[in-house]
Amino acid sequence: MRTLLIDRAAQMLRTREPVTLRSVVAGTGVSTMAVYTYFGGMDGLWRAMRQEGFTRLAGTLHGVRLTADPVRDLAALGSAYLSNALAAPDLYRVMFDAGFELDDPEAADESLRPVVRAVERAREAGRFREDVDPPALATQTWTIGHGLASLVTAGPLPPEALAHGVAMLAALFTTAGDDPARCRRSLKRGWHLEIPPE
């Protein structure tokens, strides 16, 4: 029931319906008491939606198949991040609504860990310089993905703009020490976006 109400609220956002106590339970077969039982009220539902977004993102990123090429894996993680945002754009937007605290901030951190580990692997493999700070470079990588995802899910840019991710990551990673030609080859191998139909 908890997941049903979270998905229902996200779907209502997608269709621009007002998300109220009564509207979120309409058609579910449960009373408004369910929102209090599972979430403690509407603020709790918004917090749970934020949390669920990060939990799903972490699951998506941890599910990315890793290879012997850590730069390719960084591209695959970026693609998975963007695909996750495109699959549930309204849940994605709620994730970054700082007006509601996360019940488990560690879950948000968990979604960045696969990116940090891929940067560490790239440094260990000699693709990135020894002085590269993995959390800092992972955050810069995430920032590129978040910028693209936000601009596409909010509508100013079409999904085709996501292809710019390869050039942006290449610029970042060559600054970190990777060979430009090798970097582009790796990124192109890992960059596979799943763009849902309109």
N, C-alpha and C. Protein backbone atom coordinates (compact mmCIF):
# COMPACT_ATOMS: atom_id res chain seq x y z
N MET A 1 0.83 -1.20 0.00
CA MET A 1 0.00 0.00 0.00
C MET A 1 0.87 1.26 0.00
N ARG A 2 1.97 1.20 0.75
CA ARG A 2 2.89 2.34 0.80
C ARG A 2 3.40 2.68 -0.61
N THR A 3 3.88 1.66 -1.32
CA THR A 3 4.39 1.86 -2.68
C THR A 3 3.29 2.33 -3.62
N LEU A 4 2.10 1.77 -3.45
CA LEU A 4 0.96 2.16 -4.29
C LEU A 4 0.67 3.66 -4.13
N LEU A 5 0.67 4.14 -2.90
CA LEU A 5 0.36 5.56 -2.66
C LEU A 5 1.48 6.46 -3.18
N ILE A 6 2.73 6.03 -3.03
CA ILE A 6 3.85 6.81 -3.57
C ILE A 6 3.74 6.89 -5.10
N ASP A 7 3.50 5.75 -5.74
CA ASP A 7 3.39 5.74 -7.20
C ASP A 7 2.17 6.53 -7.67
N ARG A 8 1.09 6.47 -6.91
CA ARG A 8 -0.12 7.21 -7.26
C ARG A 8 0.15 8.72 -7.20
N ALA A 9 0.83 9.18 -6.15
CA ALA A 9 1.13 10.60 -6.02
C ALA A 9 2.06 11.05 -7.15
N ALA A 10 3.04 10.22 -7.49
CA ALA A 10 3.96 10.56 -8.58
C ALA A 10 3.22 10.63 -9.91
N GLN A 11 2.29 9.70 -10.13
CA GLN A 11 1.51 9.70 -11.37
C GLN A 11 0.62 10.94 -11.44
N MET A 12 0.10 11.36 -10.30
CA MET A 12 -0.73 12.57 -10.27
C MET A 12 0.11 13.81 -10.62
N LEU A 13 1.33 13.85 -10.13
CA LEU A 13 2.22 14.95 -10.51
C LEU A 13 2.44 14.96 -12.02
N ARG A 14 2.65 13.76 -12.59
CA ARG A 14 2.91 13.64 -14.02
C ARG A 14 1.75 14.19 -14.84
N THR A 15 0.51 13.94 -14.36
CA THR A 15 -0.67 14.39 -15.10
C THR A 15 -1.18 15.75 -14.61
N ARG A 16 -0.38 16.39 -13.76
CA ARG A 16 -0.67 17.74 -13.26
C ARG A 16 -1.95 17.82 -12.44
N GLU A 17 -2.29 16.72 -11.75
CA GLU A 17 -3.43 16.73 -10.85
C GLU A 17 -2.97 17.23 -9.48
N PRO A 18 -3.84 17.96 -8.76
CA PRO A 18 -3.47 18.38 -7.40
C PRO A 18 -3.32 17.15 -6.49
N VAL A 19 -2.25 17.09 -5.76
CA VAL A 19 -2.01 15.98 -4.85
C VAL A 19 -2.47 16.41 -3.46
N THR A 20 -3.66 15.93 -3.10
CA THR A 20 -4.23 16.24 -1.80
C THR A 20 -4.49 14.93 -1.06
N LEU A 21 -4.83 15.06 0.21
CA LEU A 21 -5.11 13.88 1.02
C LEU A 21 -6.20 13.02 0.39
N ARG A 22 -7.26 13.66 -0.05
CA ARG A 22 -8.38 12.90 -0.64
C ARG A 22 -8.06 12.39 -2.05
N SER A 23 -7.42 13.23 -2.84
CA SER A 23 -7.18 12.82 -4.23
C SER A 23 -6.17 11.68 -4.33
N VAL A 24 -5.22 11.62 -3.41
CA VAL A 24 -4.19 10.58 -3.52
C VAL A 24 -4.75 9.19 -3.20
N VAL A 25 -5.82 9.14 -2.38
CA VAL A 25 -6.40 7.82 -2.07
C VAL A 25 -7.58 7.48 -2.98
N ALA A 26 -8.07 8.46 -3.76
CA ALA A 26 -9.23 8.21 -4.63
C ALA A 26 -8.94 7.05 -5.59
N GLY A 27 -9.84 6.10 -5.61
CA GLY A 27 -9.70 4.97 -6.53
C GLY A 27 -8.78 3.86 -6.04
N THR A 28 -8.21 4.02 -4.84
CA THR A 28 -7.30 2.99 -4.33
C THR A 28 -8.01 1.98 -3.43
N GLY A 29 -9.21 2.35 -2.99
CA GLY A 29 -9.94 1.45 -2.10
C GLY A 29 -9.59 1.63 -0.64
N VAL A 30 -8.77 2.63 -0.32
CA VAL A 30 -8.43 2.88 1.08
C VAL A 30 -8.89 4.28 1.46
N SER A 31 -9.00 4.52 2.75
CA SER A 31 -9.43 5.83 3.23
C SER A 31 -8.23 6.76 3.40
N THR A 32 -8.53 8.02 3.67
CA THR A 32 -7.45 8.99 3.90
C THR A 32 -6.59 8.60 5.10
N MET A 33 -7.13 7.77 5.98
CA MET A 33 -6.37 7.31 7.15
C MET A 33 -5.09 6.58 6.72
N ALA A 34 -5.11 5.97 5.54
CA ALA A 34 -3.92 5.23 5.06
C ALA A 34 -2.71 6.15 4.95
N VAL A 35 -2.93 7.41 4.53
CA VAL A 35 -1.82 8.36 4.40
C VAL A 35 -1.21 8.63 5.78
N TYR A 36 -2.07 8.69 6.80
CA TYR A 36 -1.56 8.89 8.17
C TYR A 36 -0.90 7.61 8.70
N THR A 37 -1.50 6.47 8.39
CA THR A 37 -0.97 5.20 8.88
C THR A 37 0.43 4.93 8.32
N TYR A 38 0.60 5.13 7.02
CA TYR A 38 1.87 4.80 6.37
C TYR A 38 2.88 5.93 6.37
N PHE A 39 2.40 7.18 6.41
CA PHE A 39 3.32 8.31 6.25
C PHE A 39 3.21 9.38 7.34
N GLY A 40 2.21 9.28 8.20
CA GLY A 40 2.04 10.29 9.23
C GLY A 40 1.42 11.58 8.71
N GLY A 41 0.94 11.59 7.47
CA GLY A 41 0.33 12.77 6.88
C GLY A 41 0.95 13.08 5.53
N MET A 42 0.52 14.19 4.94
CA MET A 42 0.98 14.55 3.59
C MET A 42 2.48 14.90 3.56
N ASP A 43 2.98 15.58 4.58
CA ASP A 43 4.42 15.87 4.59
C ASP A 43 5.23 14.58 4.58
N GLY A 44 4.75 13.59 5.31
CA GLY A 44 5.42 12.29 5.33
C GLY A 44 5.38 11.61 3.98
N LEU A 45 4.28 11.79 3.26
CA LEU A 45 4.18 11.22 1.90
C LEU A 45 5.20 11.87 0.99
N TRP A 46 5.35 13.19 1.07
CA TRP A 46 6.35 13.87 0.24
C TRP A 46 7.76 13.41 0.59
N ARG A 47 8.03 13.25 1.90
CA ARG A 47 9.36 12.75 2.32
C ARG A 47 9.60 11.35 1.78
N ALA A 48 8.55 10.52 1.85
CA ALA A 48 8.67 9.14 1.36
C ALA A 48 8.89 9.10 -0.14
N MET A 49 8.26 10.02 -0.88
CA MET A 49 8.48 10.08 -2.33
C MET A 49 9.93 10.43 -2.62
N ARG A 50 10.45 11.40 -1.89
CA ARG A 50 11.86 11.78 -2.05
C ARG A 50 12.77 10.59 -1.78
N GLN A 51 12.50 9.93 -0.67
CA GLN A 51 13.31 8.77 -0.27
C GLN A 51 13.23 7.66 -1.31
N GLU A 52 12.02 7.41 -1.78
CA GLU A 52 11.82 6.34 -2.78
C GLU A 52 12.59 6.64 -4.06
N GLY A 53 12.63 7.91 -4.46
CA GLY A 53 13.40 8.27 -5.64
C GLY A 53 14.86 7.91 -5.50
N PHE A 54 15.45 8.22 -4.35
CA PHE A 54 16.86 7.89 -4.13
C PHE A 54 17.08 6.38 -3.99
N THR A 55 16.12 5.70 -3.36
CA THR A 55 16.24 4.25 -3.21
C THR A 55 16.22 3.56 -4.57
N ARG A 56 15.30 4.00 -5.44
CA ARG A 56 15.23 3.40 -6.78
C ARG A 56 16.47 3.73 -7.60
N LEU A 57 16.96 4.97 -7.47
CA LEU A 57 18.17 5.35 -8.20
C LEU A 57 19.35 4.50 -7.76
N ALA A 58 19.51 4.33 -6.45
CA ALA A 58 20.62 3.51 -5.95
C ALA A 58 20.51 2.09 -6.48
N GLY A 59 19.29 1.54 -6.49
CA GLY A 59 19.09 0.19 -7.03
C GLY A 59 19.45 0.10 -8.50
N THR A 60 19.08 1.13 -9.26
CA THR A 60 19.40 1.17 -10.69
C THR A 60 20.91 1.21 -10.90
N LEU A 61 21.60 2.07 -10.16
CA LEU A 61 23.06 2.21 -10.35
C LEU A 61 23.81 0.97 -9.88
N HIS A 62 23.36 0.38 -8.79
CA HIS A 62 24.02 -0.85 -8.32
C HIS A 62 23.77 -2.02 -9.28
N GLY A 63 22.73 -1.90 -10.13
CA GLY A 63 22.44 -2.95 -11.09
C GLY A 63 23.20 -2.84 -12.40
N VAL A 64 24.00 -1.78 -12.56
CA VAL A 64 24.77 -1.60 -13.79
C VAL A 64 25.88 -2.66 -13.85
N ARG A 65 25.96 -3.34 -14.99
CA ARG A 65 26.99 -4.36 -15.18
C ARG A 65 28.34 -3.69 -15.39
N LEU A 66 29.29 -4.03 -14.52
CA LEU A 66 30.61 -3.43 -14.61
C LEU A 66 31.53 -4.28 -15.48
N THR A 67 32.53 -3.62 -16.06
CA THR A 67 33.48 -4.28 -16.95
C THR A 67 34.90 -3.99 -16.46
N ALA A 68 35.86 -4.40 -17.25
CA ALA A 68 37.26 -4.10 -16.93
C ALA A 68 37.64 -2.66 -17.27
N ASP A 69 36.74 -1.93 -17.94
CA ASP A 69 37.00 -0.56 -18.34
C ASP A 69 36.21 0.40 -17.45
N PRO A 70 36.86 1.01 -16.46
CA PRO A 70 36.12 1.86 -15.52
C PRO A 70 35.56 3.14 -16.14
N VAL A 71 36.18 3.64 -17.19
CA VAL A 71 35.65 4.85 -17.84
C VAL A 71 34.38 4.49 -18.61
N ARG A 72 34.36 3.34 -19.25
CA ARG A 72 33.14 2.84 -19.88
C ARG A 72 32.04 2.69 -18.83
N ASP A 73 32.44 2.19 -17.64
CA ASP A 73 31.47 1.98 -16.57
C ASP A 73 30.91 3.31 -16.07
N LEU A 74 31.73 4.35 -16.04
CA LEU A 74 31.24 5.68 -15.65
C LEU A 74 30.17 6.17 -16.64
N ALA A 75 30.39 5.90 -17.92
CA ALA A 75 29.38 6.27 -18.93
C ALA A 75 28.11 5.45 -18.73
N ALA A 76 28.26 4.16 -18.43
CA ALA A 76 27.09 3.31 -18.20
C ALA A 76 26.31 3.76 -16.97
N LEU A 77 27.02 4.18 -15.93
CA LEU A 77 26.35 4.70 -14.73
C LEU A 77 25.62 6.00 -15.04
N GLY A 78 26.25 6.85 -15.84
CA GLY A 78 25.60 8.10 -16.25
C GLY A 78 24.34 7.83 -17.06
N SER A 79 24.43 6.87 -17.97
CA SER A 79 23.26 6.49 -18.78
C SER A 79 22.14 5.96 -17.90
N ALA A 80 22.51 5.13 -16.92
CA ALA A 80 21.50 4.57 -16.01
C ALA A 80 20.84 5.67 -15.19
N TYR A 81 21.64 6.64 -14.77
CA TYR A 81 21.11 7.78 -14.01
C TYR A 81 20.07 8.53 -14.85
N LEU A 82 20.43 8.82 -16.08
CA LEU A 82 19.52 9.56 -16.97
C LEU A 82 18.28 8.74 -17.31
N SER A 83 18.46 7.45 -17.57
CA SER A 83 17.31 6.59 -17.89
C SER A 83 16.35 6.52 -16.71
N ASN A 84 16.91 6.46 -15.50
CA ASN A 84 16.09 6.44 -14.29
C ASN A 84 15.26 7.72 -14.18
N ALA A 85 15.88 8.86 -14.45
CA ALA A 85 15.18 10.15 -14.38
C ALA A 85 14.08 10.23 -15.44
N LEU A 86 14.35 9.74 -16.64
CA LEU A 86 13.37 9.81 -17.73
C LEU A 86 12.20 8.86 -17.49
N ALA A 87 12.46 7.75 -16.81
CA ALA A 87 11.41 6.77 -16.56
C ALA A 87 10.39 7.28 -15.53
N ALA A 88 10.84 8.11 -14.60
CA ALA A 88 9.94 8.65 -13.56
C ALA A 88 10.29 10.11 -13.31
N PRO A 89 10.02 10.99 -14.28
CA PRO A 89 10.47 12.38 -14.17
C PRO A 89 9.93 13.14 -12.98
N ASP A 90 8.70 12.86 -12.58
CA ASP A 90 8.14 13.61 -11.46
C ASP A 90 8.71 13.13 -10.13
N LEU A 91 8.92 11.84 -10.00
CA LEU A 91 9.59 11.32 -8.82
C LEU A 91 11.02 11.86 -8.77
N TYR A 92 11.66 11.97 -9.92
CA TYR A 92 13.01 12.53 -9.99
C TYR A 92 13.04 13.96 -9.48
N ARG A 93 12.06 14.77 -9.89
CA ARG A 93 12.03 16.17 -9.43
C ARG A 93 11.82 16.26 -7.93
N VAL A 94 10.95 15.40 -7.39
CA VAL A 94 10.68 15.42 -5.95
C VAL A 94 11.93 15.05 -5.15
N MET A 95 12.78 14.19 -5.72
CA MET A 95 14.02 13.79 -5.03
C MET A 95 14.84 14.99 -4.59
N PHE A 96 14.81 16.05 -5.38
CA PHE A 96 15.67 17.20 -5.12
C PHE A 96 14.89 18.38 -4.52
N ASP A 97 13.72 18.08 -3.96
CA ASP A 97 12.94 19.10 -3.26
C ASP A 97 13.43 19.16 -1.81
N ALA A 98 14.34 20.09 -1.54
CA ALA A 98 14.96 20.18 -0.22
C ALA A 98 14.00 20.69 0.84
N GLY A 99 12.75 21.00 0.47
CA GLY A 99 11.77 21.43 1.45
C GLY A 99 11.32 20.31 2.37
N PHE A 100 11.65 19.07 2.01
CA PHE A 100 11.30 17.91 2.82
C PHE A 100 12.55 17.11 3.11
N GLU A 101 12.80 16.86 4.39
CA GLU A 101 13.98 16.10 4.81
C GLU A 101 13.86 14.65 4.33
N LEU A 102 15.01 14.03 4.16
CA LEU A 102 15.04 12.59 3.87
C LEU A 102 14.99 11.83 5.19
N ASP A 103 14.21 10.75 5.23
CA ASP A 103 14.19 9.92 6.43
C ASP A 103 15.52 9.19 6.60
N ASP A 104 16.16 8.86 5.48
CA ASP A 104 17.42 8.12 5.51
C ASP A 104 18.41 8.75 4.53
N PRO A 105 19.14 9.80 4.98
CA PRO A 105 20.09 10.46 4.07
C PRO A 105 21.15 9.51 3.53
N GLU A 106 21.43 8.43 4.26
CA GLU A 106 22.42 7.45 3.81
C GLU A 106 22.02 6.83 2.47
N ALA A 107 20.69 6.70 2.24
CA ALA A 107 20.21 6.14 0.97
C ALA A 107 20.58 7.04 -0.20
N ALA A 108 20.54 8.35 0.02
CA ALA A 108 20.94 9.28 -1.04
C ALA A 108 22.44 9.14 -1.30
N ASP A 109 23.23 9.02 -0.23
CA ASP A 109 24.66 8.82 -0.39
C ASP A 109 24.96 7.52 -1.14
N GLU A 110 24.14 6.51 -0.90
CA GLU A 110 24.34 5.20 -1.52
C GLU A 110 24.26 5.29 -3.04
N SER A 111 23.49 6.23 -3.55
CA SER A 111 23.36 6.35 -5.01
C SER A 111 24.62 6.94 -5.64
N LEU A 112 25.46 7.62 -4.85
CA LEU A 112 26.70 8.19 -5.40
C LEU A 112 27.86 7.19 -5.31
N ARG A 113 27.76 6.21 -4.42
CA ARG A 113 28.88 5.29 -4.18
C ARG A 113 29.37 4.55 -5.41
N PRO A 114 28.48 4.02 -6.28
CA PRO A 114 29.00 3.32 -7.47
C PRO A 114 29.83 4.24 -8.37
N VAL A 115 29.48 5.53 -8.41
CA VAL A 115 30.23 6.48 -9.24
C VAL A 115 31.61 6.74 -8.61
N VAL A 116 31.63 6.90 -7.28
CA VAL A 116 32.91 7.10 -6.58
C VAL A 116 33.81 5.90 -6.81
N ARG A 117 33.25 4.70 -6.68
CA ARG A 117 34.06 3.48 -6.86
C ARG A 117 34.60 3.37 -8.29
N ALA A 118 33.81 3.74 -9.29
CA ALA A 118 34.29 3.70 -10.68
C ALA A 118 35.42 4.68 -10.89
N VAL A 119 35.34 5.86 -10.27
CA VAL A 119 36.43 6.83 -10.36
C VAL A 119 37.68 6.26 -9.70
N GLU A 120 37.52 5.63 -8.55
CA GLU A 120 38.67 5.00 -7.86
C GLU A 120 39.31 3.95 -8.77
N ARG A 121 38.48 3.15 -9.43
CA ARG A 121 39.00 2.11 -10.32
C ARG A 121 39.75 2.72 -11.49
N ALA A 122 39.22 3.84 -12.02
CA ALA A 122 39.89 4.50 -13.15
C ALA A 122 41.24 5.06 -12.71
N ARG A 123 41.31 5.55 -11.51
CA ARG A 123 42.58 6.06 -10.98
C ARG A 123 43.56 4.90 -10.76
N GLU A 124 43.07 3.81 -10.20
CA GLU A 124 43.92 2.63 -9.97
C GLU A 124 44.43 2.04 -11.28
N ALA A 125 43.64 2.15 -12.34
CA ALA A 125 44.02 1.61 -13.65
C ALA A 125 44.93 2.55 -14.43
N GLY A 126 45.22 3.72 -13.86
CA GLY A 126 46.09 4.67 -14.54
C GLY A 126 45.37 5.53 -15.57
N ARG A 127 44.05 5.45 -15.62
CA ARG A 127 43.29 6.28 -16.56
C ARG A 127 43.19 7.72 -16.04
N PHE A 128 43.07 7.86 -14.73
CA PHE A 128 43.03 9.19 -14.11
C PHE A 128 44.30 9.38 -13.28
N ARG A 129 44.69 10.63 -13.11
CA ARG A 129 45.89 10.95 -12.33
C ARG A 129 45.74 10.51 -10.87
N GLU A 130 46.86 10.28 -10.23
CA GLU A 130 46.88 9.87 -8.82
C GLU A 130 46.29 10.93 -7.90
N ASP A 131 46.41 12.21 -8.29
CA ASP A 131 45.93 13.28 -7.40
C ASP A 131 44.44 13.57 -7.56
N VAL A 132 43.74 12.80 -8.41
CA VAL A 132 42.30 12.99 -8.58
C VAL A 132 41.59 12.54 -7.31
N ASP A 133 40.69 13.39 -6.82
CA ASP A 133 39.89 13.08 -5.64
C ASP A 133 38.60 12.38 -6.08
N PRO A 134 38.44 11.07 -5.80
CA PRO A 134 37.27 10.34 -6.32
C PRO A 134 35.91 10.94 -5.93
N PRO A 135 35.66 11.30 -4.66
CA PRO A 135 34.35 11.90 -4.37
C PRO A 135 34.11 13.20 -5.13
N ALA A 136 35.16 14.01 -5.29
CA ALA A 136 34.99 15.28 -6.02
C ALA A 136 34.68 15.03 -7.49
N LEU A 137 35.42 14.12 -8.13
CA LEU A 137 35.18 13.85 -9.55
C LEU A 137 33.84 13.15 -9.74
N ALA A 138 33.45 12.29 -8.80
CA ALA A 138 32.14 11.64 -8.88
C ALA A 138 31.03 12.68 -8.79
N THR A 139 31.20 13.67 -7.92
CA THR A 139 30.21 14.74 -7.78
C THR A 139 30.12 15.57 -9.06
N GLN A 140 31.26 15.84 -9.68
CA GLN A 140 31.26 16.59 -10.95
C GLN A 140 30.56 15.77 -12.04
N THR A 141 30.80 14.47 -12.03
CA THR A 141 30.14 13.57 -13.00
C THR A 141 28.63 13.59 -12.78
N TRP A 142 28.23 13.50 -11.53
CA TRP A 142 26.80 13.53 -11.18
C TRP A 142 26.19 14.86 -11.61
N THR A 143 26.92 15.94 -11.43
CA THR A 143 26.41 17.27 -11.79
C THR A 143 26.09 17.35 -13.28
N ILE A 144 26.93 16.76 -14.10
CA ILE A 144 26.64 16.72 -15.54
C ILE A 144 25.35 15.96 -15.80
N GLY A 145 25.22 14.79 -15.20
CA GLY A 145 24.00 13.99 -15.38
C GLY A 145 22.77 14.70 -14.87
N HIS A 146 22.90 15.32 -13.70
CA HIS A 146 21.75 16.01 -13.11
C HIS A 146 21.33 17.21 -13.97
N GLY A 147 22.30 17.94 -14.47
CA GLY A 147 21.97 19.08 -15.33
C GLY A 147 21.22 18.65 -16.57
N LEU A 148 21.71 17.62 -17.23
CA LEU A 148 21.02 17.12 -18.43
C LEU A 148 19.64 16.59 -18.09
N ALA A 149 19.56 15.79 -17.03
CA ALA A 149 18.27 15.20 -16.65
C ALA A 149 17.26 16.28 -16.31
N SER A 150 17.69 17.28 -15.56
CA SER A 150 16.77 18.36 -15.17
C SER A 150 16.27 19.15 -16.38
N LEU A 151 17.17 19.45 -17.30
CA LEU A 151 16.78 20.24 -18.47
C LEU A 151 15.87 19.46 -19.41
N VAL A 152 16.07 18.15 -19.48
CA VAL A 152 15.22 17.33 -20.37
C VAL A 152 13.89 17.01 -19.70
N THR A 153 13.91 16.61 -18.42
CA THR A 153 12.64 16.24 -17.77
C THR A 153 11.75 17.46 -17.53
N ALA A 154 12.36 18.65 -17.37
CA ALA A 154 11.56 19.87 -17.18
C ALA A 154 11.07 20.43 -18.51
N GLY A 155 11.61 19.96 -19.62
CA GLY A 155 11.08 20.33 -20.91
C GLY A 155 11.85 21.29 -21.79
N PRO A 156 12.77 22.13 -21.29
CA PRO A 156 13.43 23.06 -22.22
C PRO A 156 14.24 22.36 -23.31
N LEU A 157 14.81 21.21 -23.00
CA LEU A 157 15.62 20.49 -23.99
C LEU A 157 14.95 19.18 -24.39
N PRO A 158 15.07 18.79 -25.65
CA PRO A 158 14.51 17.50 -26.08
C PRO A 158 15.42 16.35 -25.63
N PRO A 159 14.91 15.13 -25.58
CA PRO A 159 15.73 13.99 -25.17
C PRO A 159 17.01 13.82 -25.98
N GLU A 160 17.01 14.28 -27.23
CA GLU A 160 18.22 14.16 -28.06
C GLU A 160 19.41 14.91 -27.45
N ALA A 161 19.14 15.90 -26.62
CA ALA A 161 20.21 16.68 -25.99
C ALA A 161 21.04 15.83 -25.04
N LEU A 162 20.51 14.69 -24.61
CA LEU A 162 21.25 13.83 -23.69
C LEU A 162 22.53 13.29 -24.33
N ALA A 163 22.59 13.28 -25.65
CA ALA A 163 23.79 12.81 -26.35
C ALA A 163 24.99 13.70 -26.04
N HIS A 164 24.75 14.93 -25.60
CA HIS A 164 25.86 15.83 -25.24
C HIS A 164 26.64 15.31 -24.03
N GLY A 165 26.06 14.37 -23.31
CA GLY A 165 26.72 13.83 -22.14
C GLY A 165 28.09 13.25 -22.44
N VAL A 166 28.24 12.62 -23.59
CA VAL A 166 29.53 12.02 -23.95
C VAL A 166 30.61 13.09 -24.05
N ALA A 167 30.35 14.17 -24.76
CA ALA A 167 31.35 15.23 -24.91
C ALA A 167 31.66 15.90 -23.58
N MET A 168 30.63 16.09 -22.75
CA MET A 168 30.84 16.74 -21.46
C MET A 168 31.68 15.86 -20.53
N LEU A 169 31.37 14.57 -20.50
CA LEU A 169 32.16 13.65 -19.68
C LEU A 169 33.57 13.52 -20.21
N ALA A 170 33.72 13.51 -21.53
CA ALA A 170 35.07 13.42 -22.12
C ALA A 170 35.92 14.61 -21.69
N ALA A 171 35.35 15.80 -21.71
CA ALA A 171 36.08 16.98 -21.29
C ALA A 171 36.50 16.86 -19.82
N LEU A 172 35.58 16.39 -18.98
CA LEU A 172 35.88 16.23 -17.56
C LEU A 172 36.96 15.17 -17.32
N PHE A 173 36.82 14.03 -17.98
CA PHE A 173 37.73 12.92 -17.72
C PHE A 173 39.12 13.14 -18.32
N THR A 174 39.20 13.83 -19.45
CA THR A 174 40.54 14.13 -19.98
C THR A 174 41.24 15.14 -19.09
N THR A 175 40.50 16.04 -18.48
CA THR A 175 41.09 16.96 -17.50
C THR A 175 41.63 16.17 -16.31
N ALA A 176 40.98 15.05 -16.00
CA ALA A 176 41.42 14.19 -14.90
C ALA A 176 42.60 13.30 -15.29
N GLY A 177 43.00 13.35 -16.57
CA GLY A 177 44.19 12.62 -16.98
C GLY A 177 44.01 11.55 -18.02
N ASP A 178 42.77 11.25 -18.43
CA ASP A 178 42.57 10.19 -19.42
C ASP A 178 42.99 10.66 -20.80
N ASP A 179 43.44 9.71 -21.62
CA ASP A 179 43.80 9.99 -23.00
C ASP A 179 42.53 10.34 -23.78
N PRO A 180 42.49 11.45 -24.52
CA PRO A 180 41.25 11.89 -25.18
C PRO A 180 40.61 10.84 -26.09
N ALA A 181 41.41 10.23 -26.96
CA ALA A 181 40.83 9.26 -27.91
C ALA A 181 40.33 8.02 -27.18
N ARG A 182 41.12 7.52 -26.25
CA ARG A 182 40.72 6.33 -25.49
C ARG A 182 39.47 6.63 -24.65
N CYS A 183 39.43 7.82 -24.08
CA CYS A 183 38.30 8.24 -23.26
C CYS A 183 37.01 8.23 -24.08
N ARG A 184 37.05 8.82 -25.26
CA ARG A 184 35.84 8.87 -26.10
C ARG A 184 35.38 7.47 -26.49
N ARG A 185 36.34 6.59 -26.81
CA ARG A 185 35.96 5.21 -27.16
C ARG A 185 35.25 4.54 -25.98
N SER A 186 35.81 4.69 -24.80
CA SER A 186 35.21 4.08 -23.61
C SER A 186 33.82 4.64 -23.35
N LEU A 187 33.69 5.96 -23.44
CA LEU A 187 32.40 6.59 -23.17
C LEU A 187 31.34 6.16 -24.16
N LYS A 188 31.70 6.07 -25.43
CA LYS A 188 30.73 5.66 -26.44
C LYS A 188 30.28 4.22 -26.22
N ARG A 189 31.19 3.37 -25.72
CA ARG A 189 30.82 1.97 -25.44
C ARG A 189 29.83 1.88 -24.28
N GLY A 190 29.93 2.80 -23.31
CA GLY A 190 29.08 2.71 -22.13
C GLY A 190 27.81 3.52 -22.18
N TRP A 191 27.70 4.43 -23.16
CA TRP A 191 26.59 5.38 -23.21
C TRP A 191 25.40 4.77 -23.95
N HIS A 192 24.48 4.17 -23.22
CA HIS A 192 23.30 3.56 -23.83
C HIS A 192 22.08 4.01 -23.05
N LEU A 193 21.34 4.95 -23.62
CA LEU A 193 20.18 5.51 -22.94
C LEU A 193 18.90 4.79 -23.34
N GLU A 194 18.05 4.58 -22.34
CA GLU A 194 16.71 4.05 -22.61
C GLU A 194 15.74 5.22 -22.48
N ILE A 195 15.30 5.75 -23.62
CA ILE A 195 14.39 6.89 -23.61
C ILE A 195 12.96 6.35 -23.75
N PRO A 196 12.15 6.53 -22.69
CA PRO A 196 10.78 5.99 -22.78
C PRO A 196 9.97 6.75 -23.83
N PRO A 197 8.97 6.07 -24.43
CA PRO A 197 8.13 6.75 -25.41
C PRO A 197 7.31 7.85 -24.73
N GLU A 198 6.97 8.86 -25.51
CA GLU A 198 6.17 9.98 -24.97
C GLU A 198 4.82 9.47 -24.48
